[in-house]
């Protein structure tokens, strides 16, 4: 089973005082015990790294890169993925949807992934389910 990993889930997993940390840890434990493959994009990696660095510091960035990154299947963004994400962003015409979110939705649809490791309501608003294990 594949589940898409969003910045909101990854950040909560890494930050102990995040209000969703306990739930993120529980989900992550479930993923490990049930052979769930987490898929994400290079844009999510950039966004997660930037948030960790700016809000917490470089130590969590190092932990993320050494402990979590190796467990992820990464979709590396090229010009075609970027164009699809921009097209979706423009079509949705909502300031609250980010380019990273638009790309995530495109990847999930293309890879037929229905569930996200996320705490972002935009996934549900776009027809996906949130991991709740």
N, C-alpha and C. Protein backbone atom coordinates (compact mmCIF):
# COMPACT_ATOMS: atom_id res chain seq x y z
N UNK A 1 0.84 -1.18 0.00
CA UNK A 1 0.00 0.00 0.00
C UNK A 1 0.88 1.24 0.00
N UNK A 2 0.53 2.20 -0.84
CA UNK A 2 1.24 3.47 -0.91
C UNK A 2 0.39 4.57 -0.27
N UNK A 3 1.05 5.42 0.49
CA UNK A 3 0.42 6.60 1.08
C UNK A 3 1.31 7.79 0.77
N UNK A 4 0.69 8.91 0.42
CA UNK A 4 1.46 10.11 0.11
C UNK A 4 1.81 10.85 1.39
N UNK A 5 3.07 11.20 1.56
CA UNK A 5 3.54 11.93 2.74
C UNK A 5 3.62 13.42 2.42
N UNK A 6 2.83 14.20 3.15
CA UNK A 6 2.79 15.64 3.01
C UNK A 6 3.68 16.30 4.07
N UNK A 7 4.02 17.55 3.83
CA UNK A 7 4.81 18.31 4.79
C UNK A 7 4.17 18.33 6.16
N UNK A 8 2.86 18.49 6.22
CA UNK A 8 2.18 18.57 7.52
C UNK A 8 2.38 17.31 8.34
N UNK A 9 2.37 16.15 7.72
CA UNK A 9 2.60 14.89 8.43
C UNK A 9 4.06 14.72 8.81
N UNK A 10 4.95 15.02 7.88
CA UNK A 10 6.38 14.86 8.15
C UNK A 10 6.86 15.83 9.22
N UNK A 11 6.39 17.08 9.16
CA UNK A 11 6.78 18.07 10.16
C UNK A 11 6.29 17.64 11.55
N UNK A 12 5.03 17.22 11.64
CA UNK A 12 4.48 16.77 12.93
C UNK A 12 5.24 15.58 13.47
N UNK A 13 5.67 14.70 12.60
CA UNK A 13 6.45 13.54 13.01
C UNK A 13 7.78 13.96 13.64
N UNK A 14 8.40 14.98 13.08
CA UNK A 14 9.74 15.39 13.52
C UNK A 14 9.74 16.33 14.73
N UNK A 15 8.64 16.99 15.00
CA UNK A 15 8.62 18.04 16.01
C UNK A 15 7.78 17.59 17.21
N UNK A 16 8.44 17.29 18.31
CA UNK A 16 7.77 16.71 19.48
C UNK A 16 6.71 17.62 20.09
N UNK A 17 6.87 18.93 19.98
CA UNK A 17 5.86 19.81 20.57
C UNK A 17 4.79 20.25 19.57
N UNK A 18 4.78 19.66 18.38
CA UNK A 18 3.70 19.91 17.42
C UNK A 18 2.42 19.25 17.96
N UNK A 19 1.30 19.93 17.84
CA UNK A 19 0.05 19.42 18.41
C UNK A 19 -0.39 18.10 17.77
N UNK A 20 0.13 17.74 16.60
CA UNK A 20 -0.23 16.48 15.94
C UNK A 20 0.88 15.44 16.04
N UNK A 21 1.90 15.70 16.84
CA UNK A 21 3.06 14.79 16.92
C UNK A 21 2.67 13.38 17.34
N UNK A 22 1.86 13.24 18.37
CA UNK A 22 1.49 11.91 18.85
C UNK A 22 0.76 11.12 17.77
N UNK A 23 -0.16 11.77 17.12
CA UNK A 23 -0.90 11.09 16.04
C UNK A 23 0.04 10.74 14.88
N UNK A 24 0.96 11.65 14.56
CA UNK A 24 1.92 11.38 13.48
C UNK A 24 2.79 10.17 13.83
N UNK A 25 3.25 10.08 15.08
CA UNK A 25 4.06 8.93 15.51
C UNK A 25 3.25 7.63 15.43
N UNK A 26 2.00 7.68 15.85
CA UNK A 26 1.15 6.50 15.78
C UNK A 26 0.96 6.05 14.34
N UNK A 27 0.71 7.01 13.45
CA UNK A 27 0.58 6.67 12.02
C UNK A 27 1.88 6.07 11.50
N UNK A 28 3.00 6.69 11.83
CA UNK A 28 4.29 6.22 11.32
C UNK A 28 4.59 4.81 11.82
N UNK A 29 4.25 4.52 13.06
CA UNK A 29 4.42 3.17 13.60
C UNK A 29 3.57 2.18 12.82
N UNK A 30 2.33 2.56 12.54
CA UNK A 30 1.45 1.71 11.75
C UNK A 30 2.05 1.45 10.36
N UNK A 31 2.57 2.49 9.74
CA UNK A 31 3.17 2.34 8.41
C UNK A 31 4.30 1.32 8.44
N UNK A 32 5.16 1.44 9.44
CA UNK A 32 6.32 0.54 9.55
C UNK A 32 5.87 -0.90 9.79
N UNK A 33 4.87 -1.09 10.64
CA UNK A 33 4.41 -2.43 10.98
C UNK A 33 3.60 -3.09 9.87
N UNK A 34 3.08 -2.29 8.95
CA UNK A 34 2.18 -2.82 7.91
C UNK A 34 2.73 -2.65 6.50
N UNK A 35 4.01 -2.46 6.40
CA UNK A 35 4.67 -2.42 5.09
C UNK A 35 4.10 -1.35 4.16
N UNK A 36 3.76 -0.21 4.71
CA UNK A 36 3.24 0.90 3.92
C UNK A 36 4.41 1.68 3.34
N UNK A 37 4.36 1.94 2.05
CA UNK A 37 5.39 2.75 1.39
C UNK A 37 4.92 4.20 1.36
N UNK A 38 5.72 5.09 1.93
CA UNK A 38 5.41 6.51 1.86
C UNK A 38 6.04 7.10 0.60
N UNK A 39 5.20 7.76 -0.17
CA UNK A 39 5.61 8.42 -1.41
C UNK A 39 5.49 9.92 -1.19
N UNK A 40 6.45 10.67 -1.68
CA UNK A 40 6.38 12.12 -1.57
C UNK A 40 7.06 12.74 -2.78
N UNK A 41 7.08 14.06 -2.82
CA UNK A 41 7.72 14.76 -3.93
C UNK A 41 8.95 15.52 -3.44
N UNK A 42 9.81 15.86 -4.37
CA UNK A 42 10.97 16.66 -4.02
C UNK A 42 10.54 18.04 -3.51
N UNK A 43 9.39 18.53 -3.96
CA UNK A 43 8.87 19.81 -3.45
C UNK A 43 8.49 19.70 -1.97
N UNK A 44 7.90 18.57 -1.57
CA UNK A 44 7.57 18.36 -0.16
C UNK A 44 8.85 18.30 0.67
N UNK A 45 9.89 17.68 0.13
CA UNK A 45 11.17 17.63 0.85
C UNK A 45 11.73 19.03 1.08
N UNK A 46 11.66 19.87 0.05
CA UNK A 46 12.15 21.25 0.18
C UNK A 46 11.32 22.00 1.21
N UNK A 47 10.01 21.87 1.13
CA UNK A 47 9.12 22.58 2.04
C UNK A 47 9.33 22.11 3.49
N UNK A 48 9.43 20.81 3.69
CA UNK A 48 9.65 20.26 5.03
C UNK A 48 10.98 20.71 5.59
N UNK A 49 12.01 20.66 4.79
CA UNK A 49 13.34 21.09 5.24
C UNK A 49 13.34 22.56 5.61
N UNK A 50 12.71 23.38 4.80
CA UNK A 50 12.66 24.82 5.07
C UNK A 50 11.91 25.11 6.38
N UNK A 51 10.79 24.42 6.60
CA UNK A 51 10.04 24.62 7.85
C UNK A 51 10.82 24.16 9.07
N UNK A 52 11.42 22.99 8.97
CA UNK A 52 12.22 22.50 10.09
C UNK A 52 13.36 23.46 10.41
N UNK A 53 14.06 23.89 9.38
CA UNK A 53 15.20 24.79 9.58
C UNK A 53 14.78 26.12 10.20
N UNK A 54 13.72 26.72 9.66
CA UNK A 54 13.33 28.05 10.13
C UNK A 54 12.64 28.02 11.50
N UNK A 55 11.89 26.97 11.78
CA UNK A 55 11.12 26.94 13.03
C UNK A 55 11.84 26.22 14.17
N UNK A 56 12.68 25.23 13.84
CA UNK A 56 13.27 24.40 14.88
C UNK A 56 14.80 24.47 14.88
N UNK A 57 15.41 24.40 13.70
CA UNK A 57 16.87 24.45 13.60
C UNK A 57 17.41 23.38 12.67
N UNK A 58 18.71 23.34 12.58
CA UNK A 58 19.35 22.41 11.65
C UNK A 58 19.43 20.98 12.17
N UNK A 59 19.42 20.79 13.47
CA UNK A 59 19.49 19.43 14.01
C UNK A 59 18.32 18.57 13.53
N UNK A 60 17.07 19.07 13.56
CA UNK A 60 15.97 18.28 13.02
C UNK A 60 16.09 18.03 11.51
N UNK A 61 16.68 18.97 10.79
CA UNK A 61 16.91 18.77 9.36
C UNK A 61 17.85 17.57 9.17
N UNK A 62 18.91 17.52 9.97
CA UNK A 62 19.84 16.39 9.88
C UNK A 62 19.15 15.08 10.26
N UNK A 63 18.32 15.11 11.31
CA UNK A 63 17.58 13.91 11.69
C UNK A 63 16.63 13.46 10.58
N UNK A 64 15.93 14.42 9.99
CA UNK A 64 15.01 14.10 8.90
C UNK A 64 15.75 13.44 7.74
N UNK A 65 16.88 14.02 7.36
CA UNK A 65 17.63 13.49 6.22
C UNK A 65 18.28 12.14 6.51
N UNK A 66 18.63 11.89 7.75
CA UNK A 66 19.28 10.61 8.05
C UNK A 66 18.29 9.50 8.40
N UNK A 67 17.15 9.87 9.02
CA UNK A 67 16.23 8.84 9.51
C UNK A 67 14.97 8.65 8.67
N UNK A 68 14.42 9.72 8.12
CA UNK A 68 13.15 9.63 7.40
C UNK A 68 13.35 9.58 5.89
N UNK A 69 14.20 10.44 5.37
CA UNK A 69 14.44 10.49 3.92
C UNK A 69 14.69 9.11 3.30
N UNK A 70 15.54 8.26 3.91
CA UNK A 70 15.80 6.94 3.29
C UNK A 70 14.57 6.04 3.20
N UNK A 71 13.52 6.34 3.96
CA UNK A 71 12.32 5.51 3.96
C UNK A 71 11.29 5.94 2.92
N UNK A 72 11.55 7.07 2.27
CA UNK A 72 10.58 7.65 1.35
C UNK A 72 10.88 7.28 -0.10
N UNK A 73 9.82 7.06 -0.85
CA UNK A 73 9.95 6.97 -2.31
C UNK A 73 9.69 8.38 -2.83
N UNK A 74 10.66 8.93 -3.54
CA UNK A 74 10.59 10.33 -3.96
C UNK A 74 10.22 10.44 -5.43
N UNK A 75 9.25 11.28 -5.72
CA UNK A 75 8.95 11.68 -7.10
C UNK A 75 9.69 12.99 -7.31
N UNK A 76 10.74 12.95 -8.12
CA UNK A 76 11.56 14.14 -8.37
C UNK A 76 10.87 14.98 -9.44
N UNK A 77 10.68 16.23 -9.13
CA UNK A 77 9.91 17.12 -9.99
C UNK A 77 10.75 17.57 -11.18
N UNK A 78 10.19 17.36 -12.36
CA UNK A 78 10.81 17.85 -13.60
C UNK A 78 9.88 18.90 -14.21
N UNK A 79 10.20 19.34 -15.41
CA UNK A 79 9.40 20.39 -16.03
C UNK A 79 7.96 19.94 -16.32
N UNK A 80 7.76 18.66 -16.59
CA UNK A 80 6.40 18.17 -16.86
C UNK A 80 5.54 18.17 -15.59
N UNK A 81 6.10 17.68 -14.48
CA UNK A 81 5.36 17.71 -13.21
C UNK A 81 5.06 19.16 -12.82
N UNK A 82 6.05 20.01 -12.99
CA UNK A 82 5.88 21.42 -12.64
C UNK A 82 4.73 22.04 -13.45
N UNK A 83 4.72 21.78 -14.75
CA UNK A 83 3.67 22.33 -15.61
C UNK A 83 2.29 21.82 -15.19
N UNK A 84 2.17 20.54 -14.84
CA UNK A 84 0.89 19.99 -14.38
C UNK A 84 0.44 20.67 -13.08
N UNK A 85 1.39 20.88 -12.19
CA UNK A 85 1.05 21.51 -10.90
C UNK A 85 0.59 22.95 -11.10
N UNK A 86 1.29 23.69 -11.95
CA UNK A 86 0.90 25.08 -12.21
C UNK A 86 -0.47 25.12 -12.88
N UNK A 87 -0.71 24.22 -13.81
CA UNK A 87 -2.02 24.17 -14.48
C UNK A 87 -3.13 23.90 -13.45
N UNK A 88 -2.90 22.97 -12.55
CA UNK A 88 -3.91 22.66 -11.54
C UNK A 88 -4.10 23.84 -10.59
N UNK A 89 -3.01 24.46 -10.19
CA UNK A 89 -3.08 25.61 -9.30
C UNK A 89 -3.91 26.72 -9.92
N UNK A 90 -3.65 27.00 -11.18
CA UNK A 90 -4.38 28.04 -11.90
C UNK A 90 -5.85 27.66 -12.06
N UNK A 91 -6.12 26.40 -12.38
CA UNK A 91 -7.50 25.95 -12.58
C UNK A 91 -8.30 26.02 -11.28
N UNK A 92 -7.67 25.70 -10.15
CA UNK A 92 -8.40 25.74 -8.88
C UNK A 92 -8.66 27.16 -8.43
N UNK A 93 -7.80 28.07 -8.82
CA UNK A 93 -8.01 29.50 -8.56
C UNK A 93 -8.33 29.79 -7.08
N UNK A 94 -7.56 29.16 -6.19
CA UNK A 94 -7.72 29.37 -4.75
C UNK A 94 -6.38 29.77 -4.17
N UNK A 95 -6.35 30.88 -3.50
CA UNK A 95 -5.11 31.33 -2.88
C UNK A 95 -4.64 30.40 -1.77
N UNK A 96 -5.55 29.64 -1.19
CA UNK A 96 -5.19 28.77 -0.06
C UNK A 96 -4.49 27.49 -0.50
N UNK A 97 -4.56 27.13 -1.76
CA UNK A 97 -3.87 25.95 -2.28
C UNK A 97 -2.49 26.37 -2.75
N UNK A 98 -1.47 25.69 -2.24
CA UNK A 98 -0.10 26.02 -2.64
C UNK A 98 0.30 25.22 -3.87
N UNK A 99 1.37 25.63 -4.49
CA UNK A 99 1.92 24.89 -5.63
C UNK A 99 2.34 23.49 -5.18
N UNK A 100 2.87 23.38 -3.98
CA UNK A 100 3.26 22.06 -3.44
C UNK A 100 2.03 21.17 -3.30
N UNK A 101 0.93 21.73 -2.79
CA UNK A 101 -0.30 20.95 -2.69
C UNK A 101 -0.80 20.52 -4.06
N UNK A 102 -0.83 21.43 -5.00
CA UNK A 102 -1.30 21.11 -6.36
C UNK A 102 -0.48 19.99 -6.96
N UNK A 103 0.83 20.05 -6.77
CA UNK A 103 1.71 18.98 -7.26
C UNK A 103 1.40 17.67 -6.56
N UNK A 104 1.21 17.72 -5.25
CA UNK A 104 0.90 16.50 -4.49
C UNK A 104 -0.36 15.83 -5.03
N UNK A 105 -1.39 16.63 -5.31
CA UNK A 105 -2.64 16.07 -5.84
C UNK A 105 -2.41 15.44 -7.22
N UNK A 106 -1.61 16.09 -8.05
CA UNK A 106 -1.30 15.54 -9.37
C UNK A 106 -0.58 14.19 -9.25
N UNK A 107 0.39 14.13 -8.37
CA UNK A 107 1.15 12.88 -8.18
C UNK A 107 0.24 11.79 -7.64
N UNK A 108 -0.57 12.13 -6.64
CA UNK A 108 -1.47 11.13 -6.07
C UNK A 108 -2.42 10.57 -7.13
N UNK A 109 -2.98 11.43 -7.95
CA UNK A 109 -3.88 10.95 -9.01
C UNK A 109 -3.14 10.09 -10.02
N UNK A 110 -1.97 10.52 -10.43
CA UNK A 110 -1.20 9.77 -11.43
C UNK A 110 -0.79 8.39 -10.92
N UNK A 111 -0.44 8.30 -9.63
CA UNK A 111 0.01 7.04 -9.04
C UNK A 111 -1.13 6.27 -8.36
N UNK A 112 -2.34 6.80 -8.48
CA UNK A 112 -3.54 6.19 -7.89
C UNK A 112 -3.39 5.97 -6.38
N UNK A 113 -2.89 7.00 -5.72
CA UNK A 113 -2.77 6.99 -4.26
C UNK A 113 -3.96 7.76 -3.71
N UNK A 114 -4.73 7.12 -2.86
CA UNK A 114 -5.96 7.73 -2.34
C UNK A 114 -5.82 8.33 -0.96
N UNK A 115 -4.76 7.99 -0.25
CA UNK A 115 -4.61 8.38 1.15
C UNK A 115 -3.33 9.17 1.36
N UNK A 116 -3.42 10.18 2.24
CA UNK A 116 -2.26 11.02 2.54
C UNK A 116 -1.93 11.00 4.02
N UNK A 117 -0.65 10.95 4.32
CA UNK A 117 -0.15 11.17 5.68
C UNK A 117 -0.02 12.68 5.80
N UNK A 118 -1.11 13.30 6.23
CA UNK A 118 -1.22 14.76 6.22
C UNK A 118 -2.20 15.20 7.29
N UNK A 119 -2.04 16.44 7.70
CA UNK A 119 -2.98 17.08 8.62
C UNK A 119 -3.46 18.38 7.97
N UNK A 120 -3.67 18.30 6.69
CA UNK A 120 -4.03 19.45 5.85
C UNK A 120 -5.38 19.15 5.21
N UNK A 121 -6.38 19.94 5.53
CA UNK A 121 -7.75 19.72 5.03
C UNK A 121 -7.84 19.78 3.52
N UNK A 122 -6.88 20.40 2.87
CA UNK A 122 -6.94 20.51 1.40
C UNK A 122 -6.93 19.15 0.71
N UNK A 123 -6.32 18.16 1.34
CA UNK A 123 -6.32 16.82 0.74
C UNK A 123 -7.75 16.27 0.71
N UNK A 124 -8.47 16.39 1.82
CA UNK A 124 -9.86 15.92 1.85
C UNK A 124 -10.73 16.73 0.89
N UNK A 125 -10.51 18.03 0.83
CA UNK A 125 -11.29 18.89 -0.07
C UNK A 125 -11.07 18.52 -1.54
N UNK A 126 -9.96 17.84 -1.83
CA UNK A 126 -9.66 17.43 -3.20
C UNK A 126 -9.90 15.94 -3.43
N UNK A 127 -10.68 15.32 -2.52
CA UNK A 127 -11.14 13.96 -2.75
C UNK A 127 -10.26 12.85 -2.21
N UNK A 128 -9.27 13.17 -1.40
CA UNK A 128 -8.38 12.17 -0.83
C UNK A 128 -8.75 11.95 0.63
N UNK A 129 -8.33 10.82 1.17
CA UNK A 129 -8.53 10.55 2.59
C UNK A 129 -7.23 10.82 3.34
N UNK A 130 -7.37 11.08 4.63
CA UNK A 130 -6.20 11.28 5.48
C UNK A 130 -5.96 10.02 6.28
N UNK A 131 -4.69 9.67 6.44
CA UNK A 131 -4.33 8.49 7.22
C UNK A 131 -4.79 8.70 8.66
N UNK A 132 -5.50 7.73 9.17
CA UNK A 132 -6.01 7.79 10.54
C UNK A 132 -5.92 6.40 11.16
N UNK A 133 -4.73 6.02 11.48
CA UNK A 133 -4.51 4.66 12.02
C UNK A 133 -4.23 4.72 13.51
